[in-house]
N, C-alpha and C. Protein backbone atom coordinates (compact mmCIF):
# COMPACT_ATOMS: atom_id res chain seq x y z
N MET A 1 -60.68 -198.43 17.05
CA MET A 1 -59.18 -198.19 17.03
C MET A 1 -58.75 -197.77 15.69
N ILE A 2 -57.89 -196.79 15.62
CA ILE A 2 -57.46 -196.36 14.45
C ILE A 2 -55.99 -196.87 14.04
N GLU A 3 -55.93 -197.43 12.90
CA GLU A 3 -54.59 -197.96 12.50
C GLU A 3 -53.63 -196.88 12.07
N ARG A 4 -52.37 -197.02 12.34
CA ARG A 4 -51.40 -196.20 11.89
C ARG A 4 -50.14 -197.00 11.59
N ALA A 5 -49.33 -196.42 10.70
CA ALA A 5 -48.02 -197.07 10.33
C ALA A 5 -47.04 -196.86 11.42
N THR A 6 -46.46 -197.90 11.80
CA THR A 6 -45.43 -197.71 12.86
C THR A 6 -44.13 -198.24 12.21
N PRO A 7 -43.05 -197.30 12.11
CA PRO A 7 -41.76 -197.84 11.63
C PRO A 7 -41.13 -198.76 12.49
N ILE A 8 -40.57 -199.77 11.82
CA ILE A 8 -39.79 -200.68 12.62
C ILE A 8 -38.28 -200.49 12.39
N GLU A 9 -37.65 -200.40 13.38
CA GLU A 9 -36.12 -200.10 13.15
C GLU A 9 -35.42 -201.43 13.08
N THR A 10 -34.66 -201.51 11.98
CA THR A 10 -33.84 -202.75 11.94
C THR A 10 -32.47 -202.51 11.94
N SER A 11 -31.61 -203.39 12.37
CA SER A 11 -30.31 -203.20 12.53
C SER A 11 -29.56 -203.12 11.17
N PRO A 12 -28.68 -202.26 11.00
CA PRO A 12 -28.01 -202.24 9.57
C PRO A 12 -27.21 -203.50 9.40
N ALA A 13 -26.85 -203.64 8.03
CA ALA A 13 -26.00 -204.80 7.76
C ALA A 13 -24.77 -204.77 8.43
N PRO A 14 -24.08 -205.94 8.79
CA PRO A 14 -22.81 -205.86 9.46
C PRO A 14 -21.94 -205.06 8.71
N PRO A 15 -21.00 -204.40 9.21
CA PRO A 15 -20.01 -203.58 8.58
C PRO A 15 -19.07 -204.54 7.79
N ASP A 16 -18.67 -204.00 6.60
CA ASP A 16 -17.81 -204.79 5.62
C ASP A 16 -16.34 -204.55 6.34
N PHE A 17 -15.55 -205.35 5.60
CA PHE A 17 -14.11 -205.45 5.98
C PHE A 17 -13.39 -204.05 6.04
N GLU A 18 -13.62 -203.31 5.02
CA GLU A 18 -12.96 -202.01 4.83
C GLU A 18 -13.44 -201.03 5.98
N ASP A 19 -14.74 -201.19 6.33
CA ASP A 19 -15.31 -200.36 7.40
C ASP A 19 -14.70 -200.67 8.61
N LEU A 20 -14.55 -202.04 9.03
CA LEU A 20 -13.82 -202.41 10.15
C LEU A 20 -12.45 -202.08 10.31
N LEU A 21 -11.74 -202.12 9.21
CA LEU A 21 -10.34 -201.73 9.10
C LEU A 21 -10.27 -200.06 9.54
N ARG A 22 -11.17 -199.25 9.01
CA ARG A 22 -11.23 -197.96 9.30
C ARG A 22 -11.48 -197.57 10.74
N THR A 23 -12.41 -198.43 11.23
CA THR A 23 -12.75 -198.31 12.61
C THR A 23 -11.50 -198.59 13.54
N VAL A 24 -10.84 -199.61 13.12
CA VAL A 24 -9.53 -200.01 13.96
C VAL A 24 -8.60 -198.81 13.89
N ALA A 25 -8.43 -198.27 12.65
CA ALA A 25 -7.59 -197.10 12.53
C ALA A 25 -7.92 -195.92 13.38
N GLU A 26 -9.18 -195.73 13.43
CA GLU A 26 -9.72 -194.49 14.15
C GLU A 26 -9.74 -194.71 15.68
N MET A 27 -9.56 -196.00 16.16
CA MET A 27 -9.73 -196.11 17.50
C MET A 27 -8.66 -195.46 18.35
N ASP A 28 -8.98 -195.04 19.57
CA ASP A 28 -8.07 -194.45 20.43
C ASP A 28 -7.78 -195.57 21.48
N THR A 29 -7.04 -196.57 21.20
CA THR A 29 -6.79 -197.60 22.20
C THR A 29 -5.82 -197.11 23.25
N PRO A 30 -6.07 -197.60 24.51
CA PRO A 30 -5.17 -197.06 25.70
C PRO A 30 -3.74 -197.53 25.45
N ASP A 31 -2.80 -196.70 25.98
CA ASP A 31 -1.48 -197.02 25.92
C ASP A 31 -1.31 -198.42 26.41
N GLY A 32 -0.54 -199.25 25.58
CA GLY A 32 -0.08 -200.57 25.94
C GLY A 32 -1.08 -201.66 25.29
N PHE A 33 -1.99 -201.18 24.47
CA PHE A 33 -3.15 -201.97 23.92
C PHE A 33 -3.06 -201.97 22.42
N LYS A 34 -3.45 -203.07 21.67
CA LYS A 34 -3.66 -203.12 20.24
C LYS A 34 -4.81 -203.57 19.90
N ALA A 35 -5.38 -203.11 18.60
CA ALA A 35 -6.68 -203.62 18.16
C ALA A 35 -6.30 -204.55 16.81
N GLU A 36 -7.16 -205.60 16.79
CA GLU A 36 -6.91 -206.58 15.59
C GLU A 36 -8.45 -206.93 15.18
N LEU A 37 -8.48 -207.43 13.91
CA LEU A 37 -9.73 -208.03 13.52
C LEU A 37 -9.68 -209.50 13.58
N ILE A 38 -10.22 -210.20 14.59
CA ILE A 38 -10.22 -211.60 14.70
C ILE A 38 -11.71 -212.11 14.66
N ARG A 39 -11.80 -213.20 13.71
CA ARG A 39 -13.28 -213.83 13.52
C ARG A 39 -14.21 -212.77 13.13
N GLY A 40 -13.78 -211.72 12.44
CA GLY A 40 -14.88 -210.64 12.06
C GLY A 40 -15.11 -209.64 13.14
N LYS A 41 -14.43 -209.70 14.34
CA LYS A 41 -14.66 -208.72 15.23
C LYS A 41 -13.45 -207.99 15.74
N ILE A 42 -13.68 -206.75 16.15
CA ILE A 42 -12.50 -205.89 16.69
C ILE A 42 -12.19 -206.45 18.03
N VAL A 43 -10.93 -206.89 18.26
CA VAL A 43 -10.50 -207.32 19.50
C VAL A 43 -9.32 -206.47 19.98
N VAL A 44 -9.54 -205.96 21.10
CA VAL A 44 -8.43 -205.07 21.85
C VAL A 44 -7.75 -205.98 22.81
N SER A 45 -6.47 -206.08 22.80
CA SER A 45 -5.69 -206.88 23.76
C SER A 45 -4.47 -206.03 24.13
N PRO A 46 -3.88 -206.46 25.31
CA PRO A 46 -2.63 -205.76 25.75
C PRO A 46 -1.50 -206.16 24.88
N PHE A 47 -0.50 -205.31 24.74
CA PHE A 47 0.79 -205.66 24.13
C PHE A 47 1.36 -206.80 24.98
N SER A 48 2.47 -207.30 24.52
CA SER A 48 3.16 -208.58 25.30
C SER A 48 3.55 -208.16 26.60
N ARG A 49 3.53 -209.02 27.54
CA ARG A 49 4.04 -208.76 28.80
C ARG A 49 5.57 -208.48 28.85
N LEU A 50 5.91 -207.80 29.92
CA LEU A 50 7.40 -207.53 29.96
C LEU A 50 8.35 -208.72 29.78
N ARG A 51 8.06 -209.80 30.53
CA ARG A 51 8.76 -210.98 30.45
C ARG A 51 8.97 -211.53 29.03
N TYR A 52 8.11 -211.04 28.14
CA TYR A 52 8.22 -211.47 26.75
C TYR A 52 9.27 -210.78 25.94
N SER A 53 9.55 -209.53 26.43
CA SER A 53 10.39 -208.55 25.81
C SER A 53 11.79 -209.12 25.35
N ARG A 54 12.45 -209.86 26.31
CA ARG A 54 13.74 -210.44 26.07
C ARG A 54 13.66 -211.57 24.95
N ARG A 55 12.73 -212.36 25.00
CA ARG A 55 12.62 -213.52 23.90
C ARG A 55 12.23 -212.84 22.53
N MET A 56 11.38 -211.81 22.65
CA MET A 56 11.11 -211.15 21.37
C MET A 56 12.41 -210.40 20.81
N ARG A 57 13.18 -209.82 21.55
CA ARG A 57 14.28 -209.01 21.16
C ARG A 57 15.31 -210.19 20.59
N LEU A 58 15.51 -211.29 21.25
CA LEU A 58 16.54 -212.22 20.94
C LEU A 58 16.13 -213.04 19.63
N LEU A 59 14.83 -213.17 19.39
CA LEU A 59 14.34 -213.73 18.14
C LEU A 59 14.54 -212.68 17.00
N ARG A 60 14.15 -211.43 17.22
CA ARG A 60 14.26 -210.39 16.18
C ARG A 60 15.66 -210.27 15.86
N GLU A 61 16.53 -210.10 16.76
CA GLU A 61 18.04 -210.11 16.41
C GLU A 61 18.57 -211.11 15.63
N GLN A 62 18.12 -212.38 15.85
CA GLN A 62 18.61 -213.50 15.15
C GLN A 62 18.07 -213.48 13.70
N LEU A 63 16.70 -213.18 13.58
CA LEU A 63 16.06 -213.12 12.29
C LEU A 63 16.74 -211.95 11.42
N GLN A 64 17.03 -210.71 12.04
CA GLN A 64 17.60 -209.76 11.23
C GLN A 64 18.83 -210.05 10.40
N ALA A 65 19.59 -210.86 10.87
CA ALA A 65 20.77 -211.39 10.06
C ALA A 65 20.41 -212.37 8.81
N HIS A 66 19.30 -212.75 8.78
CA HIS A 66 18.82 -213.58 7.64
C HIS A 66 17.59 -213.31 6.92
N VAL A 67 17.09 -212.09 7.09
CA VAL A 67 15.83 -211.65 6.38
C VAL A 67 16.18 -211.45 4.82
N PRO A 68 15.17 -211.91 4.02
CA PRO A 68 15.44 -211.86 2.69
C PRO A 68 15.72 -210.36 2.25
N GLU A 69 16.42 -210.15 1.07
CA GLU A 69 16.85 -208.74 0.61
C GLU A 69 15.56 -208.01 0.53
N GLY A 70 15.64 -206.65 1.07
CA GLY A 70 14.56 -205.80 0.89
C GLY A 70 13.41 -205.94 1.97
N HIS A 71 13.72 -206.81 2.88
CA HIS A 71 12.71 -207.12 4.08
C HIS A 71 13.48 -206.53 5.33
N PHE A 72 12.59 -206.48 6.37
CA PHE A 72 13.22 -206.13 7.72
C PHE A 72 12.39 -206.62 8.72
N ALA A 73 13.05 -207.02 9.89
CA ALA A 73 12.33 -207.60 11.10
C ALA A 73 12.02 -206.49 12.14
N ASP A 74 10.85 -206.55 12.55
CA ASP A 74 10.36 -205.48 13.58
C ASP A 74 9.29 -206.00 14.55
N THR A 75 9.30 -205.38 15.65
CA THR A 75 8.16 -205.74 16.75
C THR A 75 7.18 -204.52 16.90
N SER A 76 7.39 -203.46 15.98
CA SER A 76 6.52 -202.32 16.16
C SER A 76 5.04 -202.73 15.86
N PRO A 77 4.09 -202.18 16.70
CA PRO A 77 2.79 -202.51 16.37
C PRO A 77 2.21 -201.90 15.06
N PHE A 78 1.76 -202.82 14.43
CA PHE A 78 1.38 -202.49 12.92
C PHE A 78 0.34 -203.42 12.48
N LEU A 79 -0.76 -202.96 11.90
CA LEU A 79 -1.81 -203.91 11.34
C LEU A 79 -1.62 -204.22 9.97
N PHE A 80 -1.68 -205.60 9.73
CA PHE A 80 -1.52 -206.28 8.24
C PHE A 80 -2.89 -206.71 7.89
N ARG A 81 -3.37 -206.39 6.63
CA ARG A 81 -4.70 -206.82 6.23
C ARG A 81 -4.55 -208.06 5.39
N PHE A 82 -5.70 -208.86 5.63
CA PHE A 82 -5.90 -210.07 4.78
C PHE A 82 -7.33 -210.06 4.25
N PRO A 83 -7.50 -209.32 3.16
CA PRO A 83 -8.85 -209.00 2.73
C PRO A 83 -9.59 -210.29 2.14
N ASP A 84 -8.93 -211.38 1.65
CA ASP A 84 -9.70 -212.56 1.35
C ASP A 84 -10.18 -213.28 2.54
N ALA A 85 -9.60 -213.13 3.71
CA ALA A 85 -9.97 -213.80 4.93
C ALA A 85 -10.76 -212.76 5.80
N LYS A 86 -10.85 -211.36 5.25
CA LYS A 86 -11.53 -210.39 6.05
C LYS A 86 -10.97 -210.34 7.54
N ARG A 87 -9.49 -210.30 7.55
CA ARG A 87 -9.06 -210.29 8.90
C ARG A 87 -7.80 -209.09 8.71
N GLY A 88 -7.47 -208.63 10.04
CA GLY A 88 -6.40 -207.61 10.06
C GLY A 88 -5.70 -208.02 11.33
N TYR A 89 -4.44 -208.35 11.28
CA TYR A 89 -3.60 -208.78 12.55
C TYR A 89 -2.42 -207.80 12.74
N GLY A 90 -2.10 -207.68 13.94
CA GLY A 90 -0.96 -206.93 14.43
C GLY A 90 -0.10 -207.91 15.16
N PRO A 91 0.94 -208.54 14.31
CA PRO A 91 1.67 -209.46 14.86
C PRO A 91 2.65 -209.00 15.95
N ASP A 92 3.06 -209.88 16.94
CA ASP A 92 4.05 -209.46 17.94
C ASP A 92 5.41 -209.21 17.20
N LEU A 93 5.74 -209.97 16.19
CA LEU A 93 7.11 -209.87 15.54
C LEU A 93 6.69 -210.24 14.10
N TYR A 94 7.45 -209.43 13.04
CA TYR A 94 7.14 -209.80 11.78
C TYR A 94 8.40 -209.47 10.91
N VAL A 95 8.61 -210.17 9.88
CA VAL A 95 9.40 -209.70 8.81
C VAL A 95 8.58 -209.41 7.49
N ALA A 96 8.90 -208.29 6.93
CA ALA A 96 8.08 -207.78 5.79
C ALA A 96 8.80 -207.01 4.82
N ASP A 97 8.36 -206.89 3.64
CA ASP A 97 8.98 -206.34 2.49
C ASP A 97 8.70 -204.84 2.76
N GLU A 98 10.00 -204.05 2.69
CA GLU A 98 9.96 -202.69 2.95
C GLU A 98 9.07 -201.95 1.99
N ALA A 99 8.89 -202.29 0.77
CA ALA A 99 7.99 -201.78 -0.15
C ALA A 99 6.50 -201.53 0.27
N ALA A 100 6.20 -202.39 1.12
CA ALA A 100 4.73 -202.36 1.50
C ALA A 100 4.40 -201.31 2.45
N PHE A 101 5.57 -200.55 2.93
CA PHE A 101 5.48 -199.46 3.85
C PHE A 101 5.59 -198.03 3.03
N GLU A 102 5.56 -198.17 1.71
CA GLU A 102 5.73 -196.92 0.95
C GLU A 102 4.27 -196.60 0.39
N GLU A 103 3.31 -197.30 0.75
CA GLU A 103 1.93 -197.03 0.29
C GLU A 103 1.38 -195.97 1.13
N ASP A 104 0.16 -195.42 0.71
CA ASP A 104 -0.40 -194.27 1.43
C ASP A 104 -1.40 -194.76 2.59
N GLY A 105 -1.75 -196.21 2.52
CA GLY A 105 -2.82 -196.58 3.34
C GLY A 105 -2.35 -196.69 4.88
N LEU A 106 -3.17 -196.99 5.67
CA LEU A 106 -3.29 -197.19 7.08
C LEU A 106 -2.68 -198.56 7.39
N HIS A 107 -2.84 -199.51 6.62
CA HIS A 107 -2.63 -200.97 7.08
C HIS A 107 -1.83 -201.69 5.85
N ALA A 108 -0.84 -202.39 6.22
CA ALA A 108 0.00 -202.99 5.20
C ALA A 108 -0.64 -204.48 4.67
N ASP A 109 -0.31 -204.60 3.53
CA ASP A 109 -0.88 -205.92 2.85
C ASP A 109 -0.22 -207.10 3.43
N GLY A 110 -0.94 -208.02 3.88
CA GLY A 110 -0.49 -209.27 4.52
C GLY A 110 0.55 -210.04 3.65
N ALA A 111 0.25 -209.92 2.25
CA ALA A 111 1.12 -210.56 1.29
C ALA A 111 2.62 -210.02 1.40
N ALA A 112 2.84 -208.89 2.04
CA ALA A 112 4.15 -208.32 2.20
C ALA A 112 5.04 -209.20 3.19
N LEU A 113 4.30 -209.94 3.94
CA LEU A 113 5.00 -210.74 5.14
C LEU A 113 5.74 -211.91 4.74
N SER A 114 6.98 -212.07 5.10
CA SER A 114 7.72 -213.31 4.89
C SER A 114 7.82 -214.21 6.09
N LEU A 115 7.54 -213.47 7.16
CA LEU A 115 7.48 -214.31 8.59
C LEU A 115 6.63 -213.62 9.55
N VAL A 116 5.98 -214.32 10.36
CA VAL A 116 5.22 -213.77 11.59
C VAL A 116 5.58 -214.53 12.65
N GLY A 117 5.77 -213.87 13.80
CA GLY A 117 6.04 -214.52 15.05
C GLY A 117 4.93 -213.99 16.07
N GLU A 118 4.26 -214.93 16.74
CA GLU A 118 3.32 -214.67 17.67
C GLU A 118 3.67 -215.29 18.96
N PHE A 119 3.63 -214.46 19.96
CA PHE A 119 3.96 -214.92 21.39
C PHE A 119 2.62 -215.18 22.14
N THR A 120 2.37 -216.53 22.54
CA THR A 120 1.10 -216.66 23.17
C THR A 120 0.88 -216.20 24.56
N SER A 121 -0.23 -215.86 24.75
CA SER A 121 -0.74 -215.45 26.21
C SER A 121 -1.94 -216.23 26.55
N VAL A 122 -2.29 -216.15 27.74
CA VAL A 122 -3.66 -216.95 28.04
C VAL A 122 -4.78 -216.37 27.16
N SER A 123 -5.01 -215.04 26.90
CA SER A 123 -5.93 -214.52 26.25
C SER A 123 -5.84 -214.72 24.67
N THR A 124 -4.76 -214.78 24.16
CA THR A 124 -4.43 -214.83 22.78
C THR A 124 -4.20 -216.23 22.13
N LYS A 125 -3.89 -217.30 23.07
CA LYS A 125 -3.31 -218.60 22.52
C LYS A 125 -4.32 -219.29 21.52
N ASP A 126 -5.67 -219.30 21.81
CA ASP A 126 -6.48 -219.93 20.91
C ASP A 126 -6.47 -219.22 19.55
N ALA A 127 -6.41 -217.91 19.42
CA ALA A 127 -6.35 -217.24 18.10
C ALA A 127 -5.13 -217.54 17.49
N ASP A 128 -3.95 -217.40 18.21
CA ASP A 128 -2.54 -217.81 17.71
C ASP A 128 -2.55 -219.11 17.04
N TRP A 129 -3.06 -220.24 17.73
CA TRP A 129 -2.97 -221.51 17.37
C TRP A 129 -4.07 -222.06 16.32
N ASN A 130 -5.02 -221.20 16.22
CA ASN A 130 -6.24 -221.64 15.37
C ASN A 130 -6.58 -220.67 14.21
N GLU A 131 -7.20 -219.52 14.64
CA GLU A 131 -7.54 -218.58 13.69
C GLU A 131 -6.38 -217.87 12.82
N LYS A 132 -5.26 -217.46 13.52
CA LYS A 132 -4.18 -216.83 12.83
C LYS A 132 -3.39 -217.97 11.97
N LEU A 133 -3.32 -219.25 12.56
CA LEU A 133 -2.75 -220.32 11.77
C LEU A 133 -3.36 -220.66 10.59
N ASP A 134 -4.62 -220.54 10.43
CA ASP A 134 -5.42 -220.90 9.28
C ASP A 134 -5.13 -219.62 8.26
N VAL A 135 -5.16 -218.48 8.65
CA VAL A 135 -5.01 -217.37 7.73
C VAL A 135 -3.60 -217.10 7.21
N TYR A 136 -2.64 -217.25 8.08
CA TYR A 136 -1.23 -217.14 7.87
C TYR A 136 -0.79 -218.39 6.94
N GLY A 137 -1.34 -219.46 7.15
CA GLY A 137 -1.02 -220.71 6.50
C GLY A 137 -1.40 -220.79 5.03
N ARG A 138 -2.08 -219.80 4.59
CA ARG A 138 -2.50 -219.65 3.22
C ARG A 138 -1.61 -218.67 2.44
N LEU A 139 -0.78 -217.86 3.12
CA LEU A 139 -0.03 -216.84 2.50
C LEU A 139 1.41 -216.58 2.95
N VAL A 140 1.59 -216.61 4.29
CA VAL A 140 2.98 -216.20 4.88
C VAL A 140 3.81 -217.43 4.96
N PRO A 141 5.04 -217.33 4.37
CA PRO A 141 5.96 -218.38 4.13
C PRO A 141 6.37 -219.08 5.54
N ILE A 142 6.51 -218.26 6.58
CA ILE A 142 7.02 -218.83 7.92
C ILE A 142 6.07 -218.24 9.10
N TYR A 143 5.62 -219.08 9.87
CA TYR A 143 4.84 -218.66 11.01
C TYR A 143 5.43 -219.40 12.33
N LEU A 144 6.06 -218.43 13.25
CA LEU A 144 6.59 -218.96 14.42
C LEU A 144 5.54 -218.81 15.51
N VAL A 145 5.17 -219.84 16.22
CA VAL A 145 4.30 -219.70 17.47
C VAL A 145 5.25 -219.94 18.60
N VAL A 146 5.56 -218.89 19.36
CA VAL A 146 6.37 -219.07 20.55
C VAL A 146 5.26 -219.12 21.73
N ASP A 147 5.12 -220.43 22.11
CA ASP A 147 4.23 -220.70 23.13
C ASP A 147 4.76 -220.62 24.52
N MET A 148 4.36 -219.48 25.09
CA MET A 148 4.88 -219.03 26.37
C MET A 148 4.39 -219.81 27.68
N GLN A 149 3.24 -220.57 27.50
CA GLN A 149 2.68 -221.31 28.52
C GLN A 149 3.38 -222.80 28.61
N ASP A 150 3.58 -223.25 27.28
CA ASP A 150 4.16 -224.62 27.33
C ASP A 150 5.66 -224.67 26.96
N ALA A 151 6.24 -223.54 26.97
CA ALA A 151 7.75 -223.29 26.88
C ALA A 151 8.28 -223.91 25.55
N GLU A 152 7.45 -223.80 24.41
CA GLU A 152 7.86 -224.44 23.10
C GLU A 152 7.74 -223.29 22.05
N ILE A 153 8.54 -223.63 20.97
CA ILE A 153 8.35 -222.86 19.79
C ILE A 153 8.15 -223.76 18.60
N THR A 154 7.17 -223.22 17.72
CA THR A 154 6.75 -224.07 16.67
C THR A 154 7.05 -223.23 15.44
N CYS A 155 7.60 -223.93 14.27
CA CYS A 155 7.92 -223.27 12.97
C CYS A 155 6.85 -224.00 12.12
N PHE A 156 6.00 -223.15 11.49
CA PHE A 156 5.08 -223.64 10.41
C PHE A 156 5.67 -223.11 9.08
N HIS A 157 5.73 -223.93 8.06
CA HIS A 157 6.11 -223.33 6.85
C HIS A 157 5.44 -224.18 5.65
N ASP A 158 5.77 -223.85 4.46
CA ASP A 158 5.19 -224.24 3.19
C ASP A 158 3.68 -224.19 3.19
N PRO A 159 3.36 -222.87 3.05
CA PRO A 159 1.89 -222.39 2.95
C PRO A 159 1.22 -223.07 1.75
N SER A 160 -0.05 -223.15 1.80
CA SER A 160 -0.95 -223.62 0.70
C SER A 160 -2.31 -223.28 0.88
N PRO A 161 -3.16 -223.45 -0.15
CA PRO A 161 -4.48 -222.99 0.03
C PRO A 161 -5.16 -223.65 1.13
N HIS A 162 -4.72 -224.70 1.61
CA HIS A 162 -5.36 -225.44 2.77
C HIS A 162 -4.65 -225.29 4.05
N GLY A 163 -3.63 -224.34 4.05
CA GLY A 163 -2.77 -224.22 5.29
C GLY A 163 -1.35 -224.75 5.09
N TYR A 164 -0.55 -224.56 6.16
CA TYR A 164 0.81 -225.08 6.23
C TYR A 164 0.87 -226.59 6.03
N ARG A 165 1.81 -226.83 5.26
CA ARG A 165 2.06 -228.43 4.98
C ARG A 165 3.24 -228.94 5.91
N ALA A 166 3.86 -228.23 6.67
CA ALA A 166 4.98 -228.59 7.34
C ALA A 166 5.22 -227.89 8.70
N ARG A 167 5.62 -228.45 9.84
CA ARG A 167 5.80 -227.89 11.12
C ARG A 167 6.95 -228.50 11.75
N THR A 168 7.61 -227.79 12.62
CA THR A 168 8.61 -228.40 13.60
C THR A 168 8.39 -227.69 14.95
N THR A 169 8.42 -228.46 15.99
CA THR A 169 8.16 -227.95 17.44
C THR A 169 9.45 -228.34 18.25
N VAL A 170 9.87 -227.35 18.99
CA VAL A 170 11.06 -227.69 19.91
C VAL A 170 10.74 -227.06 21.28
N SER A 171 11.36 -227.57 22.31
CA SER A 171 11.13 -227.06 23.55
C SER A 171 12.19 -225.80 23.69
N PHE A 172 11.91 -224.87 24.40
CA PHE A 172 12.95 -223.75 24.74
C PHE A 172 14.13 -224.33 25.19
N GLY A 173 15.25 -223.94 24.61
CA GLY A 173 16.58 -224.44 24.79
C GLY A 173 17.07 -225.40 23.77
N GLU A 174 16.25 -225.71 22.97
CA GLU A 174 16.66 -226.72 21.73
C GLU A 174 16.70 -225.73 20.49
N PRO A 175 17.54 -226.19 19.43
CA PRO A 175 17.58 -225.43 18.23
C PRO A 175 16.36 -225.53 17.46
N LEU A 176 16.02 -224.54 16.71
CA LEU A 176 14.77 -224.63 15.74
C LEU A 176 15.20 -224.21 14.37
N PRO A 177 15.18 -225.22 13.41
CA PRO A 177 15.49 -224.98 12.03
C PRO A 177 14.28 -224.07 11.37
N VAL A 178 14.79 -223.00 10.81
CA VAL A 178 13.89 -222.07 10.03
C VAL A 178 14.23 -222.22 8.53
N PRO A 179 13.49 -222.75 7.60
CA PRO A 179 13.62 -222.95 6.28
C PRO A 179 13.74 -221.68 5.43
N ALA A 180 14.05 -221.90 4.07
CA ALA A 180 13.95 -220.56 3.25
C ALA A 180 12.68 -220.07 3.31
N PRO A 181 12.67 -218.71 3.20
CA PRO A 181 13.74 -217.89 2.69
C PRO A 181 14.73 -217.46 3.70
N PHE A 182 14.62 -217.96 4.95
CA PHE A 182 15.56 -217.60 5.94
C PHE A 182 16.72 -218.41 6.15
N GLY A 183 16.57 -219.92 6.07
CA GLY A 183 17.61 -220.78 6.02
C GLY A 183 18.64 -220.81 7.12
N PHE A 184 18.13 -220.76 8.48
CA PHE A 184 19.16 -220.73 9.57
C PHE A 184 18.45 -221.33 10.72
N THR A 185 19.19 -221.58 11.83
CA THR A 185 18.68 -222.26 12.94
C THR A 185 18.59 -221.22 14.15
N VAL A 186 17.43 -221.20 14.78
CA VAL A 186 17.15 -220.33 15.87
C VAL A 186 17.79 -220.81 17.16
N ASP A 187 18.56 -220.11 17.74
CA ASP A 187 19.03 -220.58 19.17
C ASP A 187 18.21 -220.11 20.16
N THR A 188 17.47 -221.06 20.84
CA THR A 188 16.50 -220.81 21.85
C THR A 188 16.96 -220.93 23.34
N THR A 189 18.23 -221.03 23.42
CA THR A 189 18.86 -221.39 24.71
C THR A 189 18.48 -220.00 25.74
N GLY A 190 18.32 -218.88 25.17
CA GLY A 190 17.96 -217.76 25.93
C GLY A 190 16.53 -217.57 26.26
N PHE A 191 15.64 -218.52 25.73
CA PHE A 191 14.25 -218.35 25.88
C PHE A 191 13.78 -218.81 27.20
């Protein structure tokens, strides 16, 4: 028998964070879907359900009157990058520094966020309460989790290198205090 060299194909190294961000930007997601980087994987999920729209609008309108100077509240689909955590999220609702949108890139810096609001669904609830809580809790001043399954809203605040140090949870219909830099109370009676 004659020996011969046989090449062995090996899988390339996993893509780095910037490669994944580029892939997300180049994806042609179907209408009504968004792509995010969660746990180092590209995850495609539907936009919020129609019944979420009113609650999202009510919250955005209340926030808009209290946003820090130079910031704005929006629900437009946009990806924010968190390079230290190697994550990229497209929040359901966010308040961000307008200056972050003057850059040439395709994704805004997560450090530009002053508030994030995520509206849970059966498919996103785990990521909203765990993965995103951990990442946002190191950087974003306010994180609101609107738990649509449990009819509650939670305000996390006071971020630290170990995550948020404070939280307040109320049932829909009860007032929710939101601390500085917003300093107002969310009226959840319409939720």
